Protein backbone atom coordinates (compact mmCIF):
# COMPACT_ATOMS: atom_id res chain seq x y z
CA MET A 1 122.17 -31.30 134.08
CA THR A 2 118.86 -31.64 135.91
CA GLU A 3 115.95 -32.99 133.95
CA THR A 4 112.88 -30.78 134.20
CA LYS A 5 109.39 -32.24 134.24
CA THR A 6 106.11 -30.41 133.78
CA SER A 7 102.98 -30.70 135.86
CA GLU A 8 101.55 -32.84 133.04
CA THR A 9 104.32 -35.32 133.69
CA THR A 10 103.49 -35.23 137.39
CA THR A 11 99.94 -36.28 136.57
CA GLN A 12 101.22 -39.09 134.36
CA LEU A 13 103.62 -40.35 137.03
CA LEU A 14 101.07 -40.25 139.81
CA PRO A 15 97.69 -41.43 138.54
CA ASP A 16 94.75 -41.03 140.91
CA SER A 17 93.98 -44.76 140.95
CA ASP A 18 97.37 -45.77 142.39
CA SER A 19 98.11 -45.66 146.07
CA ILE A 20 100.76 -46.95 148.40
CA PRO A 21 100.15 -48.62 151.73
CA LEU A 22 100.52 -46.23 154.64
CA PHE A 23 102.83 -48.66 156.42
CA GLY A 24 105.28 -48.63 153.48
CA TYR A 25 105.27 -44.85 153.30
CA GLU A 26 105.84 -44.46 157.04
CA LEU A 27 108.50 -47.18 157.03
CA LEU A 28 110.53 -45.26 154.48
CA ARG A 29 109.91 -41.81 155.90
CA GLU A 30 110.09 -42.40 159.64
CA VAL A 31 112.49 -45.35 159.91
CA LEU A 32 114.72 -45.84 156.88
CA LEU A 33 115.53 -42.22 155.97
CA PRO A 34 116.43 -41.14 159.52
CA ASN A 35 118.62 -44.25 159.87
CA LEU A 36 120.43 -43.44 156.64
CA LEU A 37 120.70 -39.69 157.10
CA GLY A 38 121.22 -39.49 160.87
CA LYS A 39 121.43 -36.05 162.47
CA GLU A 40 121.31 -34.38 159.06
CA THR A 41 117.87 -35.80 158.17
CA ALA A 42 115.96 -32.51 158.42
CA SER A 43 118.44 -30.44 156.38
CA ILE A 44 118.90 -33.13 153.71
CA LEU A 45 115.13 -33.51 153.38
CA TYR A 46 114.79 -29.74 152.92
CA TRP A 47 117.29 -29.78 150.04
CA ALA A 48 115.68 -32.92 148.63
CA GLY A 49 112.34 -31.08 148.61
CA LYS A 50 113.96 -28.21 146.70
CA ASP A 51 115.39 -30.69 144.20
CA LEU A 52 111.98 -32.31 143.70
CA ALA A 53 110.45 -28.90 143.03
CA ARG A 54 113.02 -28.22 140.32
CA LYS A 55 112.13 -31.56 138.71
CA PHE A 56 108.39 -30.91 139.04
CA PRO A 57 107.89 -27.16 138.52
CA LEU A 58 104.30 -26.10 139.14
CA GLN A 59 102.61 -22.98 137.82
CA SER A 60 99.93 -22.32 140.41
CA PHE A 61 98.90 -22.85 143.99
CA GLU A 62 96.18 -25.23 142.79
CA GLU A 63 98.84 -27.42 141.16
CA MET A 64 100.79 -27.42 144.44
CA VAL A 65 97.68 -28.52 146.36
CA ASP A 66 97.15 -31.33 143.84
CA PHE A 67 100.81 -32.39 144.00
CA PHE A 68 100.73 -32.55 147.82
CA ILE A 69 97.66 -34.77 147.76
CA LYS A 70 99.08 -37.08 145.09
CA ALA A 71 102.43 -37.30 146.89
CA GLY A 72 100.67 -38.30 150.10
CA TRP A 73 101.99 -35.20 151.88
CA GLY A 74 98.56 -34.02 153.02
CA SER A 75 96.18 -31.21 152.19
CA LEU A 76 97.70 -27.78 151.77
CA SER A 77 95.71 -24.64 152.52
CA LEU A 78 96.68 -20.99 152.66
CA LYS A 79 96.24 -19.55 156.16
CA ASP A 80 97.92 -16.16 155.99
CA GLU A 81 99.45 -13.95 153.33
CA SER A 82 101.42 -10.73 153.36
CA LYS A 83 103.63 -8.89 150.90
CA HIS A 84 106.67 -11.16 151.33
CA GLU A 85 105.33 -14.17 153.22
CA MET A 86 102.70 -16.89 153.08
CA THR A 87 101.76 -19.40 155.76
CA PHE A 88 100.19 -22.71 154.83
CA GLU A 89 98.54 -25.36 156.94
CA LEU A 90 99.42 -28.93 156.11
CA GLY A 91 96.91 -31.44 157.34
CA SER A 92 95.77 -35.03 157.16
CA SER A 93 94.94 -37.84 159.53
CA ILE A 94 98.42 -39.27 158.84
CA ILE A 95 100.07 -36.01 159.87
CA SER A 96 98.02 -35.82 163.05
CA GLU A 97 99.03 -39.37 163.94
CA ARG A 98 102.71 -38.69 163.18
CA LEU A 99 102.65 -35.67 165.49
CA LYS A 100 100.93 -37.62 168.28
CA ARG A 101 103.26 -40.60 167.97
CA LYS A 102 106.70 -39.03 167.61
CA LYS A 103 108.63 -36.12 169.06
CA ASP A 104 111.10 -35.61 166.22
CA VAL A 105 108.80 -35.32 163.23
CA THR A 106 110.03 -33.27 160.29
CA PHE A 107 108.18 -31.70 157.41
CA ASN A 108 111.29 -30.22 155.85
CA LEU A 109 110.77 -32.16 152.62
CA GLU A 110 107.50 -30.31 152.14
CA ALA A 111 108.99 -26.99 153.28
CA GLY A 112 111.88 -27.29 150.83
CA PHE A 113 109.47 -28.18 148.04
CA LEU A 114 107.35 -25.08 148.72
CA ALA A 115 110.41 -22.85 149.06
CA GLN A 116 111.70 -23.86 145.65
CA GLN A 117 108.29 -23.64 143.96
CA PHE A 118 107.87 -20.06 145.16
CA GLU A 119 111.47 -19.22 144.32
CA LEU A 120 110.80 -20.34 140.74
CA GLN A 121 107.51 -18.47 140.56
CA LYS A 122 108.67 -15.23 142.19
CA ASP A 123 112.21 -15.21 140.78
CA ALA A 124 113.51 -14.25 144.22
CA VAL A 125 115.49 -16.03 146.91
CA THR A 126 112.95 -17.90 149.04
CA GLU A 127 113.08 -19.91 152.25
CA ALA A 128 110.50 -21.91 154.16
CA TYR A 129 110.29 -23.28 157.65
CA GLU A 130 107.94 -25.59 159.45
CA HIS A 131 106.28 -25.07 162.80
CA TYR A 132 103.64 -27.02 164.71
CA LYS A 133 100.94 -26.55 167.21
CA LYS A 134 101.29 -29.73 169.26
CA ARG A 135 98.09 -29.00 171.14
CA THR A 136 96.07 -29.27 167.94
CA ASN A 137 98.50 -31.53 166.01
CA THR A 138 98.67 -28.96 163.24
CA VAL A 139 101.62 -28.27 160.93
CA PHE A 140 102.29 -24.88 159.37
CA ILE A 141 104.85 -24.00 156.74
CA THR A 142 105.84 -20.37 156.34
CA VAL A 143 107.39 -19.31 153.02
CA LYS A 144 109.32 -16.03 152.85
CA TRP A 145 110.93 -14.28 149.91
CA ASP A 146 112.81 -11.06 149.31
CA LYS A 147 112.02 -9.31 146.01
CA LYS A 148 115.23 -7.30 146.43
CA ASP A 149 117.24 -10.52 146.37
CA ARG A 150 116.50 -11.51 142.78
CA LEU A 151 117.82 -14.77 141.32
CA ASP A 152 119.22 -13.10 138.22
CA ASP A 153 121.35 -10.62 140.21
């Protein structure tokens, strides 16, 4: 059985005064995880993001923005919205540097997290995918859901 945490717990686990060194974060994310997960890194990170979202369910977009900042994932902003889709920009100086430095950068952890958050909020099957603009070193995550494909069906 999966333990569920609230956004209050998220705040308690990740106080504003704590921070981790960038080198340690990048060492885990860009070196250790790909070495452990191999070719399946992107897909495993997507499912890991979904699992994190189930453990840290958030009630609003503002809570998601706060979570992303506290997790060190960058700043999240809504760029486009339609009836069944939202596109977010994910940005930070760290993200820009990752995109400049490496070819095979993945943001599937973040995409999976957003997919599951919206699936919980909309009660509909939801998927997300990442895409970049290399020219501007910008990451976008598009979240799509289908209201006809309800979770309780």
